[in-house]
Amino acid sequence: MTAVTSHVFGIRQFDRDARFLSIKSPEFDFDSFDIIAESLLLAIDARVVEKESNADLHIWLIDFEGCRLLLKGEHYSGALWLESMSDDDEETLTFIASLLNSSRW
């Protein structure tokens, strides 16, 4: 797999209360999701723990500095987002949002 290094990631929406971070990303379809998602994980220095996909939704359990998050991608709508799995992970999403907000991809 070839990493996508020239694409821009950013914040589409961040809802701390809902523990949800929607990410601006390059367009993807079912077959190209892995390339986009791996590029995002490389950029934020996270790793995949487990992958699951069905007809329209990819769900990856990822590890970011010891915190487990869900990376989800729905290719019909082109939506890519992170969800924290507990209230304790809210700070992690805030930190990732700051990375995406300040980085020059």
C-alpha atoms as a PDB file:
ATOM      1  CA  MET A   1       0.000   0.000   0.000  1.00  0.00           C
ATOM      2  CA  THR A   2       1.230   3.467  -0.860  1.00  0.00           C
ATOM      3  CA  ALA A   3       0.693   6.190   1.719  1.00  0.00           C
ATOM      4  CA  VAL A   4      -1.071   9.353   0.660  1.00  0.00           C
ATOM      5  CA  THR A   5       1.199  12.146   1.813  1.00  0.00           C
ATOM      6  CA  SER A   6       0.016  15.116  -0.219  1.00  0.00           C
ATOM      7  CA  HIS A   7      -3.602  15.175   0.952  1.00  0.00           C
ATOM      8  CA  VAL A   8      -4.948  17.573   3.510  1.00  0.00           C
ATOM      9  CA  PHE A   9      -6.739  16.478   6.667  1.00  0.00           C
ATOM     10  CA  GLY A  10      -8.584  18.904   8.898  1.00  0.00           C
ATOM     11  CA  ILE A  11     -11.509  19.329  11.238  1.00  0.00           C
ATOM     12  CA  ARG A  12     -15.023  19.271   9.847  1.00  0.00           C
ATOM     13  CA  GLN A  13     -16.806  19.221  13.224  1.00  0.00           C
ATOM     14  CA  PHE A  14     -15.781  18.591  16.823  1.00  0.00           C
ATOM     15  CA  ASP A  15     -18.362  17.804  19.485  1.00  0.00           C
ATOM     16  CA  ARG A  16     -16.669  17.225  22.832  1.00  0.00           C
ATOM     17  CA  ASP A  17     -19.912  16.284  24.575  1.00  0.00           C
ATOM     18  CA  ALA A  18     -20.704  13.604  22.000  1.00  0.00           C
ATOM     19  CA  ARG A  19     -17.014  12.522  21.892  1.00  0.00           C
ATOM     20  CA  PHE A  20     -17.040  12.901  18.109  1.00  0.00           C
ATOM     21  CA  LEU A  21     -14.439  14.415  15.744  1.00  0.00           C
ATOM     22  CA  SER A  22     -15.444  14.640  12.076  1.00  0.00           C
ATOM     23  CA  ILE A  23     -12.405  14.901   9.797  1.00  0.00           C
ATOM     24  CA  LYS A  24     -12.008  16.648   6.441  1.00  0.00           C
ATOM     25  CA  SER A  25     -10.259  14.204   4.156  1.00  0.00           C
ATOM     26  CA  PRO A  26      -9.646  13.408   0.534  1.00  0.00           C
ATOM     27  CA  GLU A  27     -12.509  11.648  -1.212  1.00  0.00           C
ATOM     28  CA  PHE A  28     -12.529   7.884  -0.816  1.00  0.00           C
ATOM     29  CA  ASP A  29     -14.573   4.899  -1.809  1.00  0.00           C
ATOM     30  CA  PHE A  30     -14.803   1.416  -0.341  1.00  0.00           C
ATOM     31  CA  ASP A  31     -11.576   0.275  -2.002  1.00  0.00           C
ATOM     32  CA  SER A  32      -9.494   3.382  -1.268  1.00  0.00           C
ATOM     33  CA  PHE A  33     -10.514   3.830   2.373  1.00  0.00           C
ATOM     34  CA  ASP A  34      -7.497   1.908   3.670  1.00  0.00           C
ATOM     35  CA  ILE A  35      -5.067   4.254   1.914  1.00  0.00           C
ATOM     36  CA  ILE A  36      -6.739   7.397   3.271  1.00  0.00           C
ATOM     37  CA  ALA A  37      -7.177   5.979   6.779  1.00  0.00           C
ATOM     38  CA  GLU A  38      -3.585   4.699   6.981  1.00  0.00           C
ATOM     39  CA  SER A  39      -2.331   8.113   5.863  1.00  0.00           C
ATOM     40  CA  LEU A  40      -4.324   9.801   8.619  1.00  0.00           C
ATOM     41  CA  LEU A  41      -3.020   7.350  11.216  1.00  0.00           C
ATOM     42  CA  LEU A  42       0.538   7.874  10.008  1.00  0.00           C
ATOM     43  CA  ALA A  43       0.076  11.636  10.252  1.00  0.00           C
ATOM     44  CA  ILE A  44      -1.189  11.517  13.848  1.00  0.00           C
ATOM     45  CA  ASP A  45       1.133   8.646  14.847  1.00  0.00           C
ATOM     46  CA  ALA A  46      -1.581   6.127  15.672  1.00  0.00           C
ATOM     47  CA  ARG A  47      -1.818   2.422  14.868  1.00  0.00           C
ATOM     48  CA  VAL A  48      -4.565  -0.014  13.925  1.00  0.00           C
ATOM     49  CA  VAL A  49      -5.565  -2.602  16.499  1.00  0.00           C
ATOM     50  CA  GLU A  50      -8.481  -4.180  14.657  1.00  0.00           C
ATOM     51  CA  LYS A  51     -10.386  -3.619  11.395  1.00  0.00           C
ATOM     52  CA  GLU A  52     -13.998  -4.330  10.519  1.00  0.00           C
ATOM     53  CA  SER A  53     -15.933  -3.387   7.426  1.00  0.00           C
ATOM     54  CA  ASN A  54     -19.343  -4.039   5.990  1.00  0.00           C
ATOM     55  CA  ALA A  55     -21.199  -2.877   2.889  1.00  0.00           C
ATOM     56  CA  ASP A  56     -20.872   0.850   3.562  1.00  0.00           C
ATOM     57  CA  LEU A  57     -18.982   1.405   6.823  1.00  0.00           C
ATOM     58  CA  HIS A  58     -15.388   0.838   7.907  1.00  0.00           C
ATOM     59  CA  ILE A  59     -14.768   0.671  11.654  1.00  0.00           C
ATOM     60  CA  TRP A  60     -11.211   0.519  12.915  1.00  0.00           C
ATOM     61  CA  LEU A  61     -10.171   0.258  16.522  1.00  0.00           C
ATOM     62  CA  ILE A  62      -7.019   2.358  16.785  1.00  0.00           C
ATOM     63  CA  ASP A  63      -4.459   3.083  19.458  1.00  0.00           C
ATOM     64  CA  PHE A  64      -3.294   6.662  19.933  1.00  0.00           C
ATOM     65  CA  GLU A  65      -0.707   6.972  22.706  1.00  0.00           C
ATOM     66  CA  GLY A  66      -2.353   4.187  24.710  1.00  0.00           C
ATOM     67  CA  CYS A  67      -5.897   5.451  24.160  1.00  0.00           C
ATOM     68  CA  ARG A  68      -8.335   3.334  22.170  1.00  0.00           C
ATOM     69  CA  LEU A  69     -10.519   5.203  19.678  1.00  0.00           C
ATOM     70  CA  LEU A  70     -12.797   4.221  16.833  1.00  0.00           C
ATOM     71  CA  LEU A  71     -11.961   5.484  13.356  1.00  0.00           C
ATOM     72  CA  LYS A  72     -15.026   5.240  11.137  1.00  0.00           C
ATOM     73  CA  GLY A  73     -15.483   5.886   7.448  1.00  0.00           C
ATOM     74  CA  GLU A  74     -18.693   5.790   5.456  1.00  0.00           C
ATOM     75  CA  HIS A  75     -17.865   5.823   1.787  1.00  0.00           C
ATOM     76  CA  TYR A  76     -21.309   6.697   0.385  1.00  0.00           C
ATOM     77  CA  SER A  77     -21.310  10.033   2.206  1.00  0.00           C
ATOM     78  CA  GLY A  78     -17.536  10.414   2.248  1.00  0.00           C
ATOM     79  CA  ALA A  79     -17.615  10.859   6.027  1.00  0.00           C
ATOM     80  CA  LEU A  80     -14.552  10.109   8.146  1.00  0.00           C
ATOM     81  CA  TRP A  81     -14.596  10.507  11.915  1.00  0.00           C
ATOM     82  CA  LEU A  82     -13.105   9.525  15.246  1.00  0.00           C
ATOM     83  CA  GLU A  83     -15.113   8.540  18.298  1.00  0.00           C
ATOM     84  CA  SER A  84     -13.818   8.089  21.801  1.00  0.00           C
ATOM     85  CA  MET A  85     -15.034   5.040  23.647  1.00  0.00           C
ATOM     86  CA  SER A  86     -15.256   6.641  27.095  1.00  0.00           C
ATOM     87  CA  ASP A  87     -15.467  10.009  28.806  1.00  0.00           C
ATOM     88  CA  ASP A  88     -11.831   9.583  29.832  1.00  0.00           C
ATOM     89  CA  ASP A  89     -10.779   9.859  26.176  1.00  0.00           C
ATOM     90  CA  GLU A  90     -12.270  13.316  25.632  1.00  0.00           C
ATOM     91  CA  GLU A  91      -8.890  14.982  26.171  1.00  0.00           C
ATOM     92  CA  THR A  92      -7.357  12.731  23.525  1.00  0.00           C
ATOM     93  CA  LEU A  93      -9.874  13.842  20.917  1.00  0.00           C
ATOM     94  CA  THR A  94      -9.220  17.444  21.887  1.00  0.00           C
ATOM     95  CA  PHE A  95      -5.495  16.873  21.391  1.00  0.00           C
ATOM     96  CA  ILE A  96      -5.999  15.211  17.984  1.00  0.00           C
ATOM     97  CA  ALA A  97      -8.273  18.097  16.963  1.00  0.00           C
ATOM     98  CA  SER A  98      -5.485  20.520  17.858  1.00  0.00           C
ATOM     99  CA  LEU A  99      -3.032  18.463  15.773  1.00  0.00           C
ATOM    100  CA  LEU A 100      -5.336  18.542  12.774  1.00  0.00           C
ATOM    101  CA  ASN A 101      -6.021  22.244  13.266  1.00  0.00           C
ATOM    102  CA  SER A 102      -2.378  23.273  13.477  1.00  0.00           C
ATOM    103  CA  SER A 103      -0.581  20.898  11.134  1.00  0.00           C
ATOM    104  CA  ARG A 104       0.572  21.719   7.652  1.00  0.00           C
ATOM    105  CA  TRP A 105      -0.081  18.460   5.808  1.00  0.00           C
END
